[in-house]
């Protein structure tokens, strides 16, 4: 029986979809460190994680049964994608499912910080009545600067304009501006004009240290700062200094360079205790609606990959989706991307009298993927011949 291990308190839908597909599913609420993960992955074919569990090359090397990884979140920087691909381990994430949830909390925090609601709330809980309009503003008419104009950034742009804000954005890739949003030529241009700066960049290594003392100094005096992207892109000591000095009037932070692995673990940050600073425990996408959608999306991808070999929307393997006849016998062949592989596959099949009903080849970097449907049962000698070729990474026979 195929086995799945789901960590970090995934939505029940994630488990039920895999169980309905015939998997034996084990769930755990927290993340695992490297040694714990290696032990837990013995005999496991599918691993489901969120952001806290790190799947390193060393873990993958000691998990020979692992076929696929599901990142039940947007980011995949916690997984060594190249090492996974080199071992034929497909990886899937949920690039769209929690977009709305992140956007809504960003809007809520922008309004709360601009109106200084956090400070009023704290004063009231301390028994102090401090009714004042000083430093509190409407968001209408203010300029929102979005750094990273992907799925989240673009949807945030649309909703912000509906609130009457002007939007300027910066992205290193060419992106189509939505509505009346204006593309900035540089990050400095965004910082020069924005009343609120919000980061929505991805987890690529090049974004490390993107925002530090220089960038905070370049922001407009009294501007607001949000980071709901990745913890390692911001120098939080520099943010603390900017808040304490009053140059940054408020901040909201949802992600941190080092985060506790389990609910209830202690949390430390130089941002604790600062006025008009909202700290949340990496919950930007944590709504019941988003987690259910993520659980369904990723588990369906994992189920389909194991059953049909489909790699559509895989983040580390060539994307292949070939319609399959009910009576077809499918060979899913991951291999090194070297010349002559397709010819060798077809020659081997011809030698054994196997007729090809359908076939598709795709490559991605150093990895190639050939999916072949045969009209009759495939002789074990064919599987052995292909699997023993020097360029082979992983061969699965799906019947």
Protein backbone atom coordinates (compact mmCIF):
# COMPACT_ATOMS: atom_id res chain seq x y z
CA UNK A 1 0.00 0.00 0.00
CA UNK A 2 1.18 3.53 -0.79
CA UNK A 3 1.89 5.61 2.31
CA UNK A 4 1.64 9.35 2.91
CA UNK A 5 2.99 11.46 5.78
CA UNK A 6 1.30 14.83 6.37
CA UNK A 7 2.93 17.28 8.79
CA UNK A 8 2.15 20.71 10.29
CA UNK A 9 -1.56 20.36 10.93
CA UNK A 10 -2.84 20.33 7.36
CA UNK A 11 -6.55 20.70 6.62
CA UNK A 12 -8.53 17.43 6.98
CA UNK A 13 -9.33 17.57 3.24
CA UNK A 14 -5.67 16.86 2.52
CA UNK A 15 -5.90 13.57 4.36
CA UNK A 16 -9.33 12.50 3.13
CA UNK A 17 -8.50 12.98 -0.56
CA UNK A 18 -5.43 10.77 -0.26
CA UNK A 19 -7.24 8.16 1.82
CA UNK A 20 -10.04 8.01 -0.75
CA UNK A 21 -7.33 7.34 -3.36
CA UNK A 22 -6.13 4.33 -1.38
CA UNK A 23 -3.22 5.80 0.59
CA UNK A 24 -2.39 4.92 4.17
CA UNK A 25 -2.07 8.40 5.70
CA UNK A 26 -0.21 9.40 8.88
CA UNK A 27 -0.64 12.94 10.21
CA UNK A 28 1.38 14.99 12.70
CA UNK A 29 0.60 18.47 13.99
CA UNK A 30 4.11 19.96 14.13
CA UNK A 31 7.19 20.18 11.96
CA UNK A 32 10.10 17.73 12.16
CA UNK A 33 13.81 18.45 12.24
CA UNK A 34 16.17 16.71 9.82
CA UNK A 35 16.90 13.56 11.83
CA UNK A 36 13.24 13.13 12.81
CA UNK A 37 12.17 13.58 9.19
CA UNK A 38 14.62 11.01 7.89
CA UNK A 39 13.29 8.45 10.34
CA UNK A 40 9.65 9.28 9.62
CA UNK A 41 10.08 9.01 5.83
CA UNK A 42 11.13 5.38 5.79
CA UNK A 43 8.59 3.54 3.61
CA UNK A 44 6.76 6.81 2.81
CA UNK A 45 5.88 7.67 -0.79
CA UNK A 46 4.26 11.11 -0.33
CA UNK A 47 5.27 13.88 2.08
CA UNK A 48 2.99 16.84 2.82
CA UNK A 49 4.40 19.90 4.62
CA UNK A 50 3.89 23.62 5.09
CA UNK A 51 6.66 26.16 5.68
CA UNK A 52 8.38 24.92 8.84
CA UNK A 53 9.68 21.51 7.71
CA UNK A 54 12.89 21.70 5.69
CA UNK A 55 13.50 18.99 3.13
CA UNK A 56 17.22 19.06 2.43
CA UNK A 57 19.34 17.10 -0.01
CA UNK A 58 20.52 14.97 2.94
CA UNK A 59 16.91 14.08 3.81
CA UNK A 60 16.10 13.21 0.20
CA UNK A 61 19.17 11.02 -0.07
CA UNK A 62 17.91 8.93 2.86
CA UNK A 63 14.31 8.67 1.64
CA UNK A 64 14.49 6.17 -1.25
CA UNK A 65 10.76 5.47 -1.27
CA UNK A 66 9.71 9.11 -1.56
CA UNK A 67 8.01 9.85 -4.90
CA UNK A 68 6.41 13.26 -4.37
CA UNK A 69 6.31 16.24 -1.99
CA UNK A 70 3.36 18.53 -1.47
CA UNK A 71 4.05 22.03 -0.14
CA UNK A 72 0.65 23.02 1.25
CA UNK A 73 1.49 26.72 0.89
CA UNK A 74 2.83 29.12 -1.73
CA UNK A 75 6.54 29.00 -0.96
CA UNK A 76 8.88 26.12 -1.76
CA UNK A 77 12.19 27.53 -0.54
CA UNK A 78 12.04 25.08 2.40
CA UNK A 79 12.61 22.26 -0.12
CA UNK A 80 15.81 21.57 -2.06
CA UNK A 81 14.01 21.47 -5.40
CA UNK A 82 17.08 20.63 -7.47
CA UNK A 83 17.98 17.70 -5.22
CA UNK A 84 14.38 16.48 -5.34
CA UNK A 85 14.32 16.66 -9.15
CA UNK A 86 17.63 14.81 -9.44
CA UNK A 87 16.10 11.95 -7.44
CA UNK A 88 12.84 11.98 -9.39
CA UNK A 89 10.77 13.41 -6.53
CA UNK A 90 8.02 15.64 -7.93
CA UNK A 91 7.11 18.73 -5.91
CA UNK A 92 3.80 20.59 -5.99
CA UNK A 93 2.64 23.72 -4.18
CA UNK A 94 -0.49 25.88 -4.00
CA UNK A 95 0.38 29.09 -5.88
CA UNK A 96 -3.13 30.55 -5.90
CA UNK A 97 -5.27 29.05 -3.14
CA UNK A 98 -4.51 31.46 -0.28
CA UNK A 99 -4.06 34.64 -2.35
CA UNK A 100 -7.32 36.21 -1.23
CA UNK A 101 -6.63 35.51 2.44
CA UNK A 102 -3.23 37.23 2.32
CA UNK A 103 -4.68 40.20 0.44
CA UNK A 104 -7.51 40.66 2.94
CA UNK A 105 -5.18 40.67 5.95
CA UNK A 106 -2.90 43.14 4.17
CA UNK A 107 -5.86 45.48 3.62
CA UNK A 108 -6.93 45.08 7.26
CA UNK A 109 -3.43 45.88 8.52
CA UNK A 110 -3.03 48.88 6.21
CA UNK A 111 -6.23 50.39 7.61
CA UNK A 112 -5.40 49.47 11.22
CA UNK A 113 -1.91 50.98 11.05
CA UNK A 114 -2.99 54.10 9.19
CA UNK A 115 -5.71 54.72 11.80
CA UNK A 116 -3.33 53.76 14.65
CA UNK A 117 -5.89 51.26 15.94
CA UNK A 118 -3.23 49.15 17.67
CA UNK A 119 -2.22 52.03 19.92
CA UNK A 120 -5.81 52.98 20.74
CA UNK A 121 -6.56 49.34 21.56
CA UNK A 122 -3.57 49.06 23.87
CA UNK A 123 -4.46 52.29 25.70
CA UNK A 124 -8.04 51.15 26.24
CA UNK A 125 -6.90 47.80 27.64
CA UNK A 126 -4.60 49.74 29.96
CA UNK A 127 -7.62 51.75 31.14
CA UNK A 128 -6.65 54.98 29.38
CA UNK A 129 -9.17 56.97 27.33
CA UNK A 130 -7.11 58.68 24.60
CA UNK A 131 -9.50 59.98 21.95
CA UNK A 132 -7.44 61.83 19.33
CA UNK A 133 -7.22 62.27 15.56
CA UNK A 134 -3.49 63.03 15.65
CA UNK A 135 -1.58 60.72 13.33
CA UNK A 136 -4.72 58.88 12.17
CA UNK A 137 -5.55 59.04 8.46
CA UNK A 138 -7.96 57.65 5.89
CA UNK A 139 -6.41 55.31 3.35
CA UNK A 140 -8.41 56.99 0.59
CA UNK A 141 -6.12 59.25 -1.42
CA UNK A 142 -2.93 57.70 -0.07
CA UNK A 143 -0.34 55.88 -2.19
CA UNK A 144 0.30 52.17 -1.77
CA UNK A 145 3.69 50.89 -2.91
CA UNK A 146 3.68 47.18 -3.76
CA UNK A 147 7.04 45.41 -4.05
CA UNK A 148 6.42 42.16 -5.92
CA UNK A 149 3.52 42.23 -8.38
CA UNK A 150 2.63 38.55 -8.55
CA UNK A 151 -0.64 36.80 -7.67
CA UNK A 152 -0.95 38.53 -4.30
CA UNK A 153 0.43 41.89 -5.36
CA UNK A 154 -1.90 42.21 -8.33
CA UNK A 155 -5.05 41.32 -6.37
CA UNK A 156 -4.03 43.68 -3.57
CA UNK A 157 -3.57 46.38 -6.21
CA UNK A 158 -7.16 46.00 -7.41
CA UNK A 159 -8.71 46.06 -3.92
CA UNK A 160 -6.57 49.02 -2.84
CA UNK A 161 -7.77 51.04 -5.83
CA UNK A 162 -11.35 50.18 -4.88
CA UNK A 163 -10.65 51.82 -1.52
CA UNK A 164 -9.56 54.99 -3.30
CA UNK A 165 -5.81 54.46 -3.03
CA UNK A 166 -3.24 55.16 -5.74
CA UNK A 167 -0.98 52.20 -6.50
CA UNK A 168 2.62 52.14 -7.65
CA UNK A 169 4.49 48.84 -7.90
CA UNK A 170 7.93 47.45 -8.59
CA UNK A 171 8.79 43.99 -9.89
CA UNK A 172 11.99 42.70 -11.46
CA UNK A 173 9.91 40.84 -14.07
CA UNK A 174 7.80 42.49 -16.74
CA UNK A 175 4.25 42.65 -15.37
CA UNK A 176 1.03 44.07 -16.75
CA UNK A 177 -0.33 46.88 -14.58
CA UNK A 178 -3.96 46.37 -13.54
CA UNK A 179 -6.46 49.24 -13.32
CA UNK A 180 -4.70 52.55 -12.78
CA UNK A 181 -1.64 51.07 -11.08
CA UNK A 182 1.66 52.51 -12.24
CA UNK A 183 4.86 50.56 -12.68
CA UNK A 184 7.95 52.11 -11.07
CA UNK A 185 11.34 51.84 -12.72
CA UNK A 186 13.08 51.05 -9.43
CA UNK A 187 12.48 50.20 -5.78
CA UNK A 188 13.76 53.66 -4.82
CA UNK A 189 11.01 55.24 -6.92
CA UNK A 190 8.38 53.30 -4.95
CA UNK A 191 9.89 54.33 -1.62
CA UNK A 192 9.99 57.97 -2.66
CA UNK A 193 6.23 58.26 -3.29
CA UNK A 194 4.51 55.56 -1.18
CA UNK A 195 2.67 56.24 2.07
CA UNK A 196 2.45 52.49 2.65
CA UNK A 197 5.08 49.98 1.45
CA UNK A 198 4.15 46.29 1.35
CA UNK A 199 6.41 43.39 0.34
CA UNK A 200 5.07 40.43 -1.64
CA UNK A 201 8.24 38.93 -3.12
CA UNK A 202 9.01 35.24 -3.50
CA UNK A 203 11.54 33.09 -1.66
CA UNK A 204 14.37 33.05 -4.19
CA UNK A 205 17.81 33.50 -2.66
CA UNK A 206 18.41 36.76 -4.50
CA UNK A 207 15.75 38.45 -2.37
CA UNK A 208 17.68 37.90 0.87
CA UNK A 209 18.38 41.22 2.57
CA UNK A 210 16.26 43.10 0.06
CA UNK A 211 15.03 45.62 2.62
CA UNK A 212 17.37 47.13 5.19
CA UNK A 213 18.58 50.38 6.74
CA UNK A 214 19.07 52.09 3.37
CA UNK A 215 15.56 51.25 2.16
CA UNK A 216 13.88 52.31 5.42
CA UNK A 217 15.75 55.62 5.29
CA UNK A 218 14.50 56.14 1.72
CA UNK A 219 10.85 55.75 2.76
CA UNK A 220 8.72 58.83 3.26
CA UNK A 221 8.69 60.11 6.87
CA UNK A 222 5.67 58.64 8.66
CA UNK A 223 5.13 55.88 6.09
CA UNK A 224 3.82 52.44 7.03
CA UNK A 225 5.63 49.14 6.27
CA UNK A 226 4.28 45.60 5.80
CA UNK A 227 6.03 42.29 5.17
CA UNK A 228 3.83 39.28 4.43
CA UNK A 229 6.31 37.59 2.09
CA UNK A 230 9.51 36.03 3.53
CA UNK A 231 11.28 36.74 6.80
CA UNK A 232 14.79 36.75 5.39
CA UNK A 233 14.16 39.63 2.99
CA UNK A 234 14.03 42.27 5.77
CA UNK A 235 16.56 43.49 8.34
CA UNK A 236 14.25 43.67 11.36
CA UNK A 237 16.83 45.41 13.54
CA UNK A 238 16.79 48.24 10.99
CA UNK A 239 12.99 48.22 11.05
CA UNK A 240 13.02 48.52 14.84
CA UNK A 241 15.31 51.55 14.62
CA UNK A 242 13.05 53.16 12.01
CA UNK A 243 9.95 52.63 14.17
CA UNK A 244 11.59 53.83 17.39
CA UNK A 245 12.84 56.98 15.65
CA UNK A 246 9.35 57.66 14.27
CA UNK A 247 10.53 57.62 10.66
CA UNK A 248 8.27 54.59 10.09
CA UNK A 249 4.94 55.26 11.81
CA UNK A 250 3.73 51.66 11.89
CA UNK A 251 4.53 48.17 10.68
CA UNK A 252 2.92 44.76 10.24
CA UNK A 253 5.09 41.64 10.08
CA UNK A 254 3.83 38.10 9.47
CA UNK A 255 7.09 36.30 8.60
CA UNK A 256 10.43 36.01 10.39
CA UNK A 257 13.94 34.71 9.60
CA UNK A 258 13.58 32.05 12.30
CA UNK A 259 10.15 30.81 13.29
CA UNK A 260 9.08 28.36 16.01
CA UNK A 261 8.33 24.89 14.67
CA UNK A 262 5.29 24.14 16.82
CA UNK A 263 2.28 25.94 18.23
CA UNK A 264 3.01 27.18 21.73
CA UNK A 265 6.81 27.37 21.27
CA UNK A 266 8.41 30.63 22.53
CA UNK A 267 8.82 33.48 20.04
CA UNK A 268 11.53 36.13 20.18
CA UNK A 269 11.89 39.24 18.03
CA UNK A 270 13.39 42.70 18.32
CA UNK A 271 9.99 43.99 17.18
CA UNK A 272 8.09 42.86 20.27
CA UNK A 273 6.60 45.63 22.39
CA UNK A 274 6.89 48.39 19.79
CA UNK A 275 3.96 50.82 19.40
CA UNK A 276 1.78 50.53 16.29
CA UNK A 277 3.47 47.28 15.23
CA UNK A 278 1.33 44.24 14.39
CA UNK A 279 3.05 40.86 14.75
CA UNK A 280 1.31 37.72 13.51
CA UNK A 281 2.62 34.11 13.51
CA UNK A 282 2.87 33.49 9.73
CA UNK A 283 -0.91 33.43 9.39
CA UNK A 284 -1.34 35.58 6.27
CA UNK A 285 -2.88 32.67 4.39
CA UNK A 286 -4.33 30.92 7.41
CA UNK A 287 -8.06 31.12 6.97
CA UNK A 288 -10.31 28.09 7.00
CA UNK A 289 -11.30 28.82 3.41
CA UNK A 290 -7.71 29.06 2.20
CA UNK A 291 -6.51 26.00 4.08
CA UNK A 292 -9.36 23.91 2.72
CA UNK A 293 -8.62 25.06 -0.83
CA UNK A 294 -4.91 24.35 -0.37
CA UNK A 295 -5.59 20.91 1.06
CA UNK A 296 -7.78 20.03 -1.92
CA UNK A 297 -5.48 21.50 -4.57
CA UNK A 298 -2.19 19.95 -3.44
CA UNK A 299 -3.61 16.55 -2.49
CA UNK A 300 -5.35 16.32 -5.86
CA UNK A 301 -2.03 17.08 -7.58
CA UNK A 302 -0.23 14.42 -5.55
CA UNK A 303 -2.98 11.87 -6.16
CA UNK A 304 -2.98 12.52 -9.90
CA UNK A 305 0.80 12.32 -10.15
CA UNK A 306 0.92 8.94 -8.44
CA UNK A 307 -2.01 7.62 -10.50
CA UNK A 308 -1.37 9.10 -13.96
CA UNK A 309 2.11 10.61 -13.94
CA UNK A 310 0.73 14.12 -14.58
CA UNK A 311 3.23 16.80 -13.54
CA UNK A 312 1.07 19.81 -14.44
CA UNK A 313 2.12 22.75 -12.19
CA UNK A 314 5.01 20.81 -10.65
CA UNK A 315 7.62 23.33 -9.51
CA UNK A 316 10.67 21.16 -10.17
CA UNK A 317 9.89 18.68 -12.98
CA UNK A 318 8.96 19.11 -16.65
CA UNK A 319 5.21 19.68 -16.93
CA UNK A 320 3.53 16.81 -18.78
CA UNK A 321 -0.17 15.90 -18.99
CA UNK A 322 -1.11 13.20 -21.51
CA UNK A 323 -4.71 12.02 -21.86
CA UNK A 324 -4.87 8.36 -20.95
CA UNK A 325 -7.10 5.65 -22.33
CA UNK A 326 -8.63 3.46 -19.59
CA UNK A 327 -6.97 0.32 -20.95
CA UNK A 328 -3.54 1.86 -21.56
CA UNK A 329 -0.36 0.77 -19.77
CA UNK A 330 1.67 3.87 -18.96
CA UNK A 331 5.43 4.23 -18.60
CA UNK A 332 6.43 7.41 -16.74
CA UNK A 333 10.16 7.84 -17.28
CA UNK A 334 12.19 10.58 -15.60
CA UNK A 335 15.72 10.83 -16.94
CA UNK A 336 18.75 13.03 -17.39
CA UNK A 337 18.23 15.47 -20.21
CA UNK A 338 20.75 14.04 -22.68
CA UNK A 339 20.45 13.39 -26.43
CA UNK A 340 18.89 10.18 -27.71
CA UNK A 341 16.65 9.20 -24.79
CA UNK A 342 13.39 9.21 -26.75
CA UNK A 343 14.95 7.14 -29.52
CA UNK A 344 16.27 4.66 -26.95
CA UNK A 345 12.86 4.35 -25.28
CA UNK A 346 11.12 3.71 -28.57
CA UNK A 347 13.79 1.28 -29.76
CA UNK A 348 13.46 -0.72 -26.54
CA UNK A 349 9.69 -0.84 -26.87
CA UNK A 350 9.96 -1.90 -30.53
CA UNK A 351 12.39 -4.68 -29.67
CA UNK A 352 9.79 -6.14 -27.32
CA UNK A 353 6.88 -5.68 -29.69
CA UNK A 354 5.18 -2.92 -27.66
CA UNK A 355 2.93 -0.66 -29.72
CA UNK A 356 2.83 3.03 -28.70
CA UNK A 357 -0.66 4.48 -28.34
CA UNK A 358 0.44 7.93 -27.14
CA UNK A 359 3.63 9.66 -26.10
CA UNK A 360 4.80 13.02 -24.81
CA UNK A 361 8.29 14.32 -23.96
CA UNK A 362 9.14 17.48 -22.03
CA UNK A 363 12.38 18.76 -20.54
CA UNK A 364 13.25 21.20 -17.78
CA UNK A 365 16.88 22.03 -17.19
CA UNK A 366 18.78 18.82 -16.52
CA UNK A 367 15.68 16.63 -16.25
CA UNK A 368 13.58 15.09 -19.04
CA UNK A 369 10.25 13.31 -18.73
CA UNK A 370 8.79 10.87 -21.23
CA UNK A 371 5.26 9.56 -20.74
CA UNK A 372 4.38 6.65 -23.02
CA UNK A 373 1.10 4.76 -23.29
CA UNK A 374 1.29 1.19 -24.57
CA UNK A 375 -1.66 -0.70 -25.98
CA UNK A 376 -0.80 -3.92 -24.18
CA UNK A 377 0.89 -5.08 -21.00
CA UNK A 378 4.53 -4.10 -20.78
CA UNK A 379 6.98 -6.95 -20.28
CA UNK A 380 9.12 -6.66 -17.11
CA UNK A 381 12.16 -6.92 -19.39
CA UNK A 382 11.22 -3.54 -20.90
CA UNK A 383 11.07 -1.93 -17.47
CA UNK A 384 14.39 -3.48 -16.50
CA UNK A 385 16.06 -2.37 -19.73
CA UNK A 386 14.95 1.26 -19.39
CA UNK A 387 15.55 1.50 -15.64
CA UNK A 388 19.12 0.24 -16.07
CA UNK A 389 20.07 2.90 -18.63
CA UNK A 390 22.73 5.36 -17.34
CA UNK A 391 20.48 8.41 -17.79
CA UNK A 392 17.59 6.94 -15.80
CA UNK A 393 16.33 8.83 -12.73
CA UNK A 394 13.04 7.09 -11.99
CA UNK A 395 10.74 4.80 -13.98
CA UNK A 396 7.20 3.98 -12.95
CA UNK A 397 4.81 1.58 -14.67
CA UNK A 398 1.20 2.71 -14.20
CA UNK A 399 -1.49 0.21 -15.13
